[in-house]
Protein backbone atom coordinates (compact mmCIF):
# COMPACT_ATOMS: atom_id res chain seq x y z
CA ARG A 1 49.40 -6.86 0.60
CA MET A 2 51.28 -3.58 0.57
CA ILE A 3 55.06 -3.34 1.00
CA VAL A 4 56.84 0.00 1.41
CA LYS A 5 60.61 0.08 1.08
CA GLU A 6 63.24 2.67 1.80
CA GLY A 7 66.21 1.56 -0.19
CA SER A 8 66.55 -2.13 0.51
CA ASP A 9 64.85 -1.86 3.92
CA VAL A 10 61.18 -2.82 4.30
CA VAL A 11 59.51 -0.12 6.39
CA LEU A 12 55.92 -1.35 5.98
CA ASP A 13 54.48 -4.75 5.16
CA THR A 14 50.71 -4.96 5.73
CA PRO A 15 47.56 -6.46 4.19
CA VAL A 16 45.37 -4.00 2.31
CA ALA A 17 41.67 -4.28 1.39
CA PHE A 18 40.21 -2.52 -1.64
CA TYR A 19 36.46 -1.84 -1.85
CA PHE A 20 34.53 -1.28 -5.07
CA ASP A 21 30.92 -0.09 -5.11
CA ARG A 22 29.21 1.68 -7.99
CA GLN A 23 25.59 1.01 -7.05
CA ALA A 24 23.74 3.79 -5.23
CA PRO A 25 21.55 3.10 -2.18
CA GLU A 26 17.94 2.01 -2.61
CA VAL A 27 15.33 4.26 -1.02
CA MET A 28 11.55 3.75 -0.86
CA PHE A 29 9.33 6.44 0.65
CA SER A 30 5.93 5.65 2.13
CA THR A 31 5.26 9.30 3.04
CA PRO A 32 4.79 11.98 1.95
CA LYS A 33 2.90 11.40 -1.28
CA LEU A 34 3.42 13.70 -4.24
CA TYR A 35 0.58 15.21 -6.25
CA GLY A 36 1.72 16.41 -9.64
CA GLY A 37 5.28 16.17 -8.33
CA ARG A 38 4.58 18.51 -5.38
CA ILE A 39 4.39 18.08 -1.61
CA PHE A 40 1.18 19.43 -0.09
CA THR A 41 0.82 19.95 3.66
CA ASN A 42 -1.30 21.87 6.16
CA ASN A 43 1.52 21.94 8.73
CA ASP A 44 4.88 23.64 9.09
CA THR A 45 6.59 20.25 9.02
CA VAL A 46 6.44 17.26 6.68
CA LYS A 47 7.04 13.68 7.83
CA PHE A 48 9.36 11.62 5.62
CA LYS A 49 9.07 7.86 6.21
CA GLY A 50 10.42 4.88 4.34
CA VAL A 51 13.18 2.31 3.99
CA ILE A 52 16.80 2.66 2.85
CA SER A 53 19.44 0.01 2.16
CA ASP A 54 22.74 -0.41 0.32
CA ASP A 55 24.42 -3.38 -1.33
CA PHE A 56 27.72 -2.81 0.48
CA ALA A 57 29.12 -0.66 3.26
CA GLY A 58 26.33 1.74 4.11
CA TYR A 59 24.81 5.08 3.28
CA THR A 60 23.68 8.51 4.40
CA LEU A 61 20.21 9.88 3.68
CA LYS A 62 19.89 13.66 3.86
CA ILE A 63 16.71 15.72 3.58
CA ASN A 64 17.47 19.43 3.27
CA ASN A 65 20.94 18.58 4.64
CA LEU A 66 19.43 16.99 7.75
CA ILE A 67 20.52 13.38 8.27
CA ALA A 68 17.45 11.13 8.24
CA SER A 69 19.37 7.83 8.26
CA ASP A 70 23.02 6.85 8.49
CA ASN A 71 24.77 3.48 8.41
CA PHE A 72 28.37 2.39 7.84
CA SER A 73 30.24 -0.87 8.31
CA THR A 74 32.88 -2.60 6.19
CA ASP A 75 31.61 -5.88 7.65
CA SER A 76 28.14 -5.30 6.20
CA LYS A 77 26.57 -8.06 4.13
CA GLY A 78 24.59 -5.51 2.18
CA LYS A 79 20.92 -4.76 2.48
CA GLU A 80 20.27 -7.95 4.42
CA THR A 81 22.00 -6.34 7.39
CA ASN A 82 21.93 -2.59 6.78
CA ALA A 83 18.32 -1.98 5.70
CA GLN A 84 16.74 0.59 7.99
CA SER A 85 13.46 2.40 8.29
CA PHE A 86 13.54 6.16 8.72
CA ASP A 87 11.03 8.64 10.12
CA ARG A 88 12.02 12.32 10.06
CA ASP A 89 10.01 15.52 10.44
CA VAL A 90 11.38 18.33 8.29
CA GLU A 91 10.43 21.99 8.64
CA VAL A 92 9.06 23.49 5.42
CA LYS A 93 7.79 26.80 4.08
CA ASN A 94 5.36 27.48 1.27
CA GLY A 95 7.11 27.80 -2.09
CA GLU A 96 10.39 26.31 -0.93
CA PHE A 97 11.91 23.09 -2.27
CA VAL A 98 12.89 19.92 -0.44
CA LEU A 99 16.18 18.39 -1.62
CA ILE A 100 16.80 14.70 -0.87
CA GLN A 101 20.19 12.98 -1.22
CA ALA A 102 21.01 9.30 -0.70
CA ILE A 103 24.78 8.72 -0.83
CA ASP A 104 26.76 5.56 -0.10
CA GLN A 105 30.30 5.36 1.25
CA MET A 106 31.73 5.30 -2.28
CA SER A 107 29.86 8.51 -3.18
CA SER A 108 27.34 6.81 -5.46
CA ALA A 109 24.30 9.02 -5.09
CA LEU A 110 20.60 9.45 -5.87
CA TYR A 111 18.72 12.73 -5.73
CA GLY A 112 15.18 14.06 -5.55
CA ARG A 113 13.67 17.53 -5.37
CA ALA A 114 10.08 18.66 -4.87
CA PRO A 115 8.37 22.02 -4.27
CA VAL A 116 6.28 22.47 -1.13
CA VAL A 117 2.76 23.88 -0.93
CA VAL A 118 1.70 24.87 2.60
CA ASP A 119 -2.07 25.34 2.70
CA LYS A 120 -3.91 25.68 6.02
CA ASP A 121 -7.25 26.91 4.67
CA ALA A 122 -10.20 24.51 4.40
CA PRO A 123 -12.41 24.46 1.28
CA SER A 124 -15.67 26.40 1.29
CA VAL A 125 -18.98 24.77 0.32
CA THR A 126 -22.19 26.08 -1.22
CA LEU A 127 -24.78 23.42 -0.45
CA GLY A 128 -27.88 24.62 -2.25
CA ILE A 129 -30.31 23.48 0.45
CA LYS A 130 -30.87 24.34 4.13
CA ASP A 131 -31.99 22.54 7.25
CA ASN A 132 -35.74 21.84 7.33
CA ASP A 133 -36.27 22.77 3.67
CA HIS A 134 -39.28 21.05 2.06
CA VAL A 135 -38.77 20.13 -1.60
CA GLU A 136 -40.66 18.35 -4.35
CA ALA A 137 -39.60 14.88 -5.44
CA ASN A 138 -38.31 16.18 -8.77
CA HIS A 139 -36.16 18.85 -7.11
CA LYS A 140 -32.51 19.21 -8.13
CA ILE A 141 -29.71 21.18 -6.49
CA SER A 142 -26.09 22.03 -7.27
CA VAL A 143 -23.32 21.62 -4.70
CA THR A 144 -20.13 23.64 -5.18
CA ALA A 145 -16.76 23.63 -3.41
CA LYS A 146 -13.94 26.17 -3.74
CA ASP A 147 -10.31 26.09 -2.64
CA ASP A 148 -6.91 27.07 -4.01
CA HIS A 149 -5.87 23.42 -4.14
CA LEU A 150 -9.16 21.53 -4.26
CA LYS A 151 -8.89 17.75 -4.57
CA LEU A 152 -12.32 16.17 -4.08
CA LEU A 153 -16.00 16.98 -3.69
CA ARG A 154 -18.28 14.12 -2.62
CA VAL A 155 -22.01 14.28 -1.84
CA LYS A 156 -23.98 11.66 0.11
CA ILE A 157 -27.65 11.36 0.94
CA ASP A 158 -28.53 9.21 3.93
CA GLY A 159 -24.96 7.89 3.93
CA LYS A 160 -24.95 6.79 0.28
CA GLU A 161 -22.80 8.58 -2.30
CA VAL A 162 -24.89 10.20 -5.02
CA ASN A 163 -22.26 12.21 -6.90
CA HIS A 164 -18.66 13.36 -6.77
CA ALA A 165 -16.06 15.33 -8.69
CA SER A 166 -12.29 15.59 -8.38
CA ASN A 167 -9.27 17.29 -9.83
CA GLY A 168 -6.68 15.31 -11.70
CA LEU A 169 -3.32 15.51 -9.96
CA LYS A 170 -1.98 11.95 -9.86
CA GLU A 171 -0.66 10.60 -6.58
CA THR A 172 2.91 9.26 -6.79
CA ASP A 173 5.69 8.27 -4.43
CA ILE A 174 8.95 10.17 -4.07
CA LYS A 175 11.41 8.64 -6.52
CA LEU A 176 15.14 9.32 -6.36
CA SER A 177 17.36 9.09 -9.42
CA LYS A 178 20.84 9.93 -10.68
CA ASN A 179 19.41 12.73 -12.81
CA ASN A 180 19.98 16.37 -11.99
CA PRO A 181 17.18 17.16 -9.49
CA TYR A 182 17.03 20.73 -10.75
CA ASP A 183 15.81 19.50 -14.16
CA ALA A 184 12.53 18.11 -12.76
CA THR A 185 9.20 19.59 -13.91
CA PHE A 186 6.01 19.97 -11.89
CA ALA A 187 2.28 20.28 -12.51
CA ASP A 188 0.67 23.69 -12.95
CA LEU A 189 -1.67 24.47 -10.06
CA LYS A 190 -3.78 27.24 -11.57
CA ASP A 191 -6.64 24.92 -12.61
CA LEU A 192 -7.06 23.72 -9.02
CA LYS A 193 -8.61 27.08 -8.15
CA ASP A 194 -11.60 26.34 -10.40
CA PRO A 195 -14.63 25.30 -8.30
CA LEU A 196 -15.83 21.72 -8.34
CA LYS A 197 -19.56 21.41 -8.91
CA VAL A 198 -21.97 18.46 -8.91
CA ASP A 199 -25.71 18.19 -9.46
CA VAL A 200 -27.89 16.22 -7.06
CA ASP A 201 -31.28 14.90 -8.17
CA PHE A 202 -33.85 14.05 -5.49
CA ASN A 203 -36.16 12.11 -7.82
CA SER A 204 -35.22 8.69 -6.44
CA LEU A 205 -35.77 9.68 -2.80
CA SER A 206 -38.77 8.52 -0.84
CA ALA A 207 -41.09 10.99 0.82
CA GLY A 208 -39.96 12.11 4.26
CA LYS A 209 -36.83 13.32 6.03
CA HIS A 210 -33.36 12.90 4.52
CA LEU A 211 -29.82 13.97 5.37
CA ILE A 212 -27.41 15.36 2.78
CA THR A 213 -23.70 15.53 3.66
CA VAL A 214 -20.78 16.99 1.74
CA GLU A 215 -17.10 16.11 1.88
CA ALA A 216 -14.73 18.67 0.36
CA VAL A 217 -10.99 18.04 0.71
CA ASP A 218 -7.93 19.80 -0.65
CA TYR A 219 -4.55 18.25 -1.51
CA ALA A 220 -3.06 19.48 1.78
CA GLY A 221 -5.62 17.45 3.73
CA ASN A 222 -7.85 20.32 4.85
CA VAL A 223 -11.52 19.30 5.12
CA ALA A 224 -14.50 21.64 4.86
CA THR A 225 -16.43 21.92 8.12
CA LYS A 226 -18.97 24.68 7.40
CA ASN A 227 -22.20 24.31 5.44
CA THR A 228 -21.55 20.60 4.85
CA SER A 229 -24.85 19.03 5.89
CA ALA A 230 -28.60 19.64 6.02
CA GLU A 231 -31.72 17.73 6.99
CA PHE A 232 -34.53 18.26 4.49
CA PHE A 233 -37.95 16.85 3.67
CA VAL A 234 -39.19 15.43 0.36
CA GLU A 235 -42.88 15.99 -0.24
CA LYS A 236 -45.04 13.02 -1.22
CA LYS A 237 -44.72 12.16 -4.90
CA SER A 238 -47.71 12.67 -7.15
CA ASN A 239 -49.30 9.45 -8.42
CA ASP A 240 -49.80 10.52 -12.02
CA GLY A 241 -47.56 7.88 -13.54
CA HIS A 242 -45.09 10.45 -14.85
CA GLY A 243 -42.95 11.04 -11.81
CA ASN A 244 -40.01 9.15 -13.23
CA ASP A 245 -40.33 9.95 -16.91
CA HIS A 246 -37.16 11.74 -17.97
CA GLY A 247 -37.11 10.56 -21.56
CA SER A 248 -33.98 8.54 -20.92
CA SER A 249 -32.51 6.84 -23.96
CA SER A 250 -30.04 4.68 -22.05
CA VAL A 251 -29.95 0.97 -22.86
CA THR A 252 -30.86 -1.51 -20.14
CA VAL A 253 -28.08 -4.07 -19.73
CA ASN A 254 -29.11 -7.15 -17.82
CA PRO A 255 -26.49 -8.87 -15.64
CA PRO A 256 -25.50 -12.48 -16.35
CA SER A 257 -28.02 -14.98 -15.00
CA ALA A 258 -27.15 -17.20 -12.06
CA SER A 259 -26.97 -20.20 -14.42
CA THR A 260 -24.47 -18.54 -16.76
CA PRO A 261 -21.06 -20.13 -16.19
CA ALA A 262 -18.08 -17.88 -15.56
CA PRO A 263 -15.46 -17.93 -18.33
CA LYS A 264 -12.36 -20.03 -17.88
CA ALA A 265 -9.39 -18.06 -16.57
CA PRO A 266 -5.80 -18.32 -17.87
CA GLU A 267 -4.02 -21.26 -16.24
CA SER A 268 -1.37 -19.12 -14.58
CA THR A 269 0.06 -15.61 -14.48
CA ALA A 270 2.55 -16.70 -17.14
CA LYS A 271 -0.37 -16.62 -19.60
CA LEU A 272 -1.28 -13.01 -18.85
CA ASP A 273 -0.95 -10.31 -21.51
CA GLN A 274 1.98 -8.20 -20.30
CA SER A 275 0.73 -5.16 -22.21
CA LEU A 276 -2.26 -5.02 -19.83
CA LYS A 277 -0.20 -5.07 -16.62
CA GLY A 278 -1.06 -2.22 -14.29
CA SER A 279 -4.26 -1.30 -16.14
CA LEU A 280 -6.27 -1.76 -12.96
CA VAL A 281 -5.54 -0.12 -9.60
CA ALA A 282 -7.13 -1.48 -6.44
CA GLY A 283 -7.62 -0.62 -2.80
CA GLU A 284 -9.24 2.08 -0.72
CA HIS A 285 -6.21 4.31 -1.27
CA MET A 286 -5.64 3.19 -4.88
CA ASN A 287 -2.23 1.79 -3.92
CA ASP A 288 -2.87 -1.87 -4.89
CA VAL A 289 -3.15 -2.89 -1.23
CA VAL A 290 -6.44 -4.76 -0.73
CA ARG A 291 -8.08 -6.21 2.36
CA ALA A 292 -9.17 -9.83 2.69
CA GLY A 293 -12.72 -10.58 3.75
CA LYS A 294 -14.29 -7.38 2.41
CA SER A 295 -15.20 -5.48 -0.75
CA ASN A 296 -12.43 -3.39 -2.31
CA PRO A 297 -12.76 -0.58 -4.88
CA VAL A 298 -10.99 -0.96 -8.24
CA LYS A 299 -10.48 1.53 -11.05
CA LEU A 300 -9.42 0.84 -14.64
CA TYR A 301 -6.97 3.01 -16.55
CA PHE A 302 -6.95 2.67 -20.34
CA ALA A 303 -5.43 4.95 -22.96
CA GLY A 304 -8.22 6.86 -24.68
CA MET A 305 -10.78 6.06 -22.00
CA ASP A 306 -10.81 9.59 -20.64
CA ALA A 307 -9.20 12.93 -21.33
CA PRO A 308 -5.91 13.75 -19.60
CA ALA A 309 -6.54 15.31 -16.22
CA LYS A 310 -5.88 19.00 -15.79
CA GLY A 311 -2.46 19.90 -14.42
CA ASP A 312 -1.15 16.36 -14.78
CA ALA A 313 2.29 17.28 -16.07
CA GLY A 314 5.14 15.49 -14.42
CA SER A 315 2.96 12.90 -12.68
CA LYS A 316 2.78 9.16 -13.22
CA SER A 317 0.12 7.76 -15.53
CA HIS A 318 -1.47 4.35 -15.01
CA LYS A 319 -2.96 4.28 -18.50
CA THR A 320 -2.00 1.40 -20.78
CA LYS A 321 -2.67 0.52 -24.38
CA VAL A 322 -5.78 -1.54 -24.98
CA SER A 323 -6.34 -4.84 -26.75
CA SER A 324 -9.18 -5.37 -29.21
CA ALA A 325 -11.19 -7.11 -26.47
CA THR A 326 -10.60 -4.18 -24.14
CA SER A 327 -11.55 -1.70 -26.87
CA GLU A 328 -14.87 -3.46 -27.41
CA PHE A 329 -15.50 -3.57 -23.67
CA ILE A 330 -14.81 0.17 -23.37
CA LYS A 331 -17.09 0.89 -26.33
CA GLU A 332 -20.00 -0.96 -24.73
CA LEU A 333 -19.32 0.56 -21.33
CA LYS A 334 -19.34 4.11 -22.69
CA LYS A 335 -22.50 3.39 -24.65
CA ASN A 336 -24.51 1.69 -21.90
CA LYS A 337 -22.85 3.21 -18.80
CA VAL A 338 -22.61 -0.28 -17.32
CA ALA A 339 -20.91 -3.55 -18.22
CA TYR A 340 -20.36 -6.90 -16.54
CA ALA A 341 -17.07 -8.77 -16.25
CA TYR A 342 -15.37 -11.48 -14.20
CA ALA A 343 -12.46 -11.10 -11.80
CA TYR A 344 -9.99 -13.83 -10.86
CA MET A 345 -7.15 -13.88 -8.34
CA TYR A 346 -3.92 -15.85 -8.61
CA SER A 347 -1.53 -17.76 -7.85
CA SER A 348 -4.11 -20.41 -8.82
CA PRO A 349 -7.14 -18.73 -10.42
CA VAL A 350 -9.96 -18.17 -7.92
CA LEU A 351 -13.17 -16.48 -9.08
CA LEU A 352 -13.83 -13.35 -7.04
CA LYS A 353 -17.31 -12.12 -6.15
CA GLY A 354 -18.79 -8.72 -6.74
CA ALA A 355 -19.82 -6.39 -3.93
CA ASP A 356 -23.34 -7.90 -3.92
CA GLY A 357 -22.08 -11.49 -3.74
CA SER A 358 -22.57 -12.25 -7.44
CA LYS A 359 -19.99 -14.18 -9.44
CA TYR A 360 -19.49 -11.21 -11.74
CA VAL A 361 -18.47 -7.61 -11.14
CA LYS A 362 -20.52 -4.62 -12.24
CA VAL A 363 -18.37 -2.02 -14.03
CA THR A 364 -19.68 1.55 -14.14
CA LEU A 365 -18.29 5.01 -14.89
CA ASP A 366 -17.57 7.54 -12.19
CA LYS A 367 -18.23 11.26 -12.59
CA ASN A 368 -15.00 11.68 -14.55
CA GLY A 369 -15.71 8.78 -16.91
CA GLN A 370 -13.31 6.45 -15.11
CA PRO A 371 -14.33 2.75 -15.13
CA GLN A 372 -14.81 1.39 -11.62
CA PHE A 373 -16.08 -1.68 -9.79
CA ASN A 374 -15.90 -3.41 -6.42
CA VAL A 375 -14.59 -6.89 -5.76
CA VAL A 376 -14.52 -9.05 -2.63
CA ILE A 377 -11.18 -10.60 -1.64
CA PRO A 378 -11.87 -13.88 0.22
CA ALA A 379 -10.88 -14.11 3.87
CA GLY A 380 -7.67 -16.00 4.60
CA TYR A 381 -5.63 -14.68 1.69
CA PHE A 382 -2.40 -12.87 2.38
CA GLY A 383 0.63 -11.40 0.61
CA LYS A 384 1.26 -10.83 -3.07
CA HIS A 385 -1.39 -11.93 -5.58
CA THR A 386 -2.65 -10.96 -9.02
CA ILE A 387 -6.14 -9.75 -9.97
CA VAL A 388 -7.27 -10.29 -13.58
CA LEU A 389 -10.42 -8.94 -15.23
CA LEU A 390 -12.02 -10.98 -18.06
CA ASN A 391 -14.98 -10.41 -20.36
CA ASP A 392 -17.70 -13.04 -20.77
CA LYS A 393 -15.61 -14.77 -23.46
CA GLY A 394 -12.65 -15.19 -21.13
CA GLU A 395 -10.60 -12.53 -22.95
CA GLN A 396 -8.26 -10.50 -20.77
CA LEU A 397 -9.25 -6.87 -20.14
CA ALA A 398 -6.88 -5.72 -17.38
CA TRP A 399 -4.69 -7.03 -14.57
CA ALA A 400 -2.31 -5.96 -11.82
CA ASN A 401 -0.35 -7.35 -8.92
CA VAL A 402 -1.74 -6.51 -5.47
CA TRP A 403 -0.80 -7.10 -1.84
CA VAL A 404 -3.48 -8.60 0.39
CA VAL A 405 -3.64 -7.63 4.07
CA PRO A 406 -6.14 -8.68 6.76
CA GLU A 407 -9.41 -6.77 7.00
CA ASN A 408 -8.34 -5.30 10.35
CA ALA A 409 -4.80 -4.38 9.25
CA THR A 410 -3.51 -1.10 10.66
CA ALA A 411 -2.40 1.89 8.62
CA PHE A 412 1.19 0.88 9.40
CA ASP A 413 0.54 -2.65 8.08
CA GLU A 414 -0.90 -1.17 4.89
CA THR A 415 2.10 1.14 4.46
CA VAL A 416 4.49 -1.79 4.85
CA ALA A 417 2.40 -3.86 2.44
CA GLU A 418 2.64 -1.08 -0.14
CA ILE A 419 6.42 -1.00 0.30
CA ASN A 420 6.56 -4.81 0.08
CA LEU A 421 4.65 -4.81 -3.20
CA LYS A 422 6.83 -2.15 -4.79
CA TYR A 423 9.98 -3.82 -3.52
CA SER A 424 8.91 -7.22 -4.88
CA GLU A 425 8.01 -5.68 -8.25
CA LEU A 426 11.50 -4.23 -8.48
CA HIS A 427 13.34 -7.30 -7.21
CA SER A 428 11.06 -10.22 -8.19
CA GLY A 429 10.93 -11.90 -4.83
CA THR A 430 12.16 -9.84 -1.88
CA GLY A 431 10.29 -7.96 0.78
CA PHE A 432 10.29 -6.75 4.34
CA GLY A 433 8.59 -8.89 7.00
CA ASN A 434 6.93 -8.12 10.32
CA GLY A 435 5.41 -10.33 12.96
CA LEU A 436 2.51 -10.98 10.59
CA GLY A 437 4.85 -11.60 7.70
CA THR A 438 3.95 -8.33 6.01
CA GLY A 439 6.59 -5.79 6.93
CA PHE A 440 8.96 -4.61 9.60
CA GLY A 441 8.84 -6.75 12.73
CA ASN A 442 8.03 -4.94 15.91
CA GLY A 443 9.57 -6.02 19.20
CA LEU A 444 9.19 -4.33 22.56
CA GLY A 445 12.21 -2.24 21.70
CA ALA A 446 12.62 0.17 18.85
CA GLY A 447 14.20 -2.28 16.45
CA SER A 448 12.90 -3.56 13.15
CA GLY A 449 13.12 -6.96 11.52
CA PHE A 450 14.07 -7.45 7.90
CA GLY A 451 12.81 -10.43 5.94
CA THR A 452 13.15 -11.83 2.47
CA PHE A 453 11.03 -14.28 0.59
CA THR A 454 11.98 -16.84 -1.99
CA GLY A 455 9.16 -18.25 -4.09
CA THR A 456 6.22 -18.15 -1.71
CA THR A 457 7.76 -18.38 1.77
CA TYR A 458 8.86 -15.48 3.97
CA VAL A 459 11.83 -15.94 6.27
CA GLY A 460 12.52 -13.23 8.86
CA THR A 461 15.86 -12.26 10.37
CA ASP A 462 16.61 -10.05 13.35
CA GLY A 463 17.01 -6.34 12.84
CA ASN A 464 19.10 -4.14 15.10
CA ALA A 465 18.36 -0.71 16.53
CA ALA A 466 19.77 1.46 19.27
CA SER A 467 17.08 0.67 21.81
CA GLY A 468 15.81 -2.77 20.90
CA SER A 469 15.26 -5.39 18.25
CA GLY A 470 12.32 -6.90 16.42
CA SER A 471 11.77 -10.28 14.91
CA ALA A 472 10.41 -10.58 11.40
CA GLY A 473 8.87 -14.00 11.93
CA ALA A 474 7.91 -16.47 9.23
CA ALA A 475 4.78 -16.29 7.12
CA SER A 476 3.66 -17.35 3.69
CA GLY A 477 2.51 -15.35 0.70
CA ASP A 478 2.29 -15.93 -3.02
CA ALA A 479 4.71 -14.08 -5.27
CA ALA A 480 2.98 -13.38 -8.58
CA ALA A 481 4.88 -12.65 -11.74
């Protein structure tokens, strides 16, 4: 209540509300991705998509001083009512910076700043073989790709990958903070101009016609289109008994027999070694979003397993310290180039199968020495779960939380799942729900639904938009620790 007097006369008597808010808005970006802290694009615009919310009266999100999202209401109940998705195309030029500001009504603010690389040129490829070439069975070629910002070179023969190489800029999301955005550092790009080269050995190919294909991609998304394939013929192998003798000294490691029991898994996620969290990264896009009912790629990141990637300054590292069990596993893997382990998924431990249907997973090293394997997520699973990798003694090697989506999930569903996972990791039990229970609900209008989960059950609430509304719907999913 406020009373204003002039002498003994009351000239104003009115209720007054005071608002206090020191917490800045929360912003999660799904696009664009950063590589070494930089934005790469092959267009003159960059799409910024994500979710913003505030714990009180609202916010303004600006990207290069353009408003991407705006919300204000003193009647707001916080992020339960003011969370919004945003989708804004921003014009960019090569070498310029993008400045992002998220400010609430009390001027609490977060900032982010990233340089832009505009690259519209596709990589060039030197294939090393031509259409209709006839080669001996022991023939070997080199495939080379060049580009100013080269990301990946992959070679396949008859649709099967035979070799690949990549540069080491780590993919990260845009993260806003209270720090001075002009103090940020970024990866050096000079090493990206070095060609990527792989050798391809034809010794394992049968006699006859084969097709070699090359994928060369840069960080801006340009894909090589010239000199990327050839049909060739392998001549009949000589039958002298020496066609496969390369003097290899590698050790043959036999997989576990069908009668060998799988090791017992920890009873629950509460028993997991927290120092190993995040040491595996899963999913086709290495974003810890996996698909039920199919095989999913997984990579392991351990300190000391491989050398730091070139130009990796300022980017996020997945590498974690290793336990004694993990150290021994790495030692054997580096020695033999292959190792066998067991993967379980929680909330209750379920043994996962390898890509070939076995009860174990086969761990190998990629071209860069990175441990990798494939694991099948059973059909019917959904939401947040935890994948744990064990050795044959049941000792923990690595684990991470993942978000499971259906095999036929759309790119939008996967993006929302990625946001859900990150949101739940930050808030231990909240997420955004759609009609499937995975993200923003889509109605016939342009609205979006916002949902939260407590324990393992999602509950959706209506979201409001200018031209329509969507319903989040109810669904269930397991919230791992």
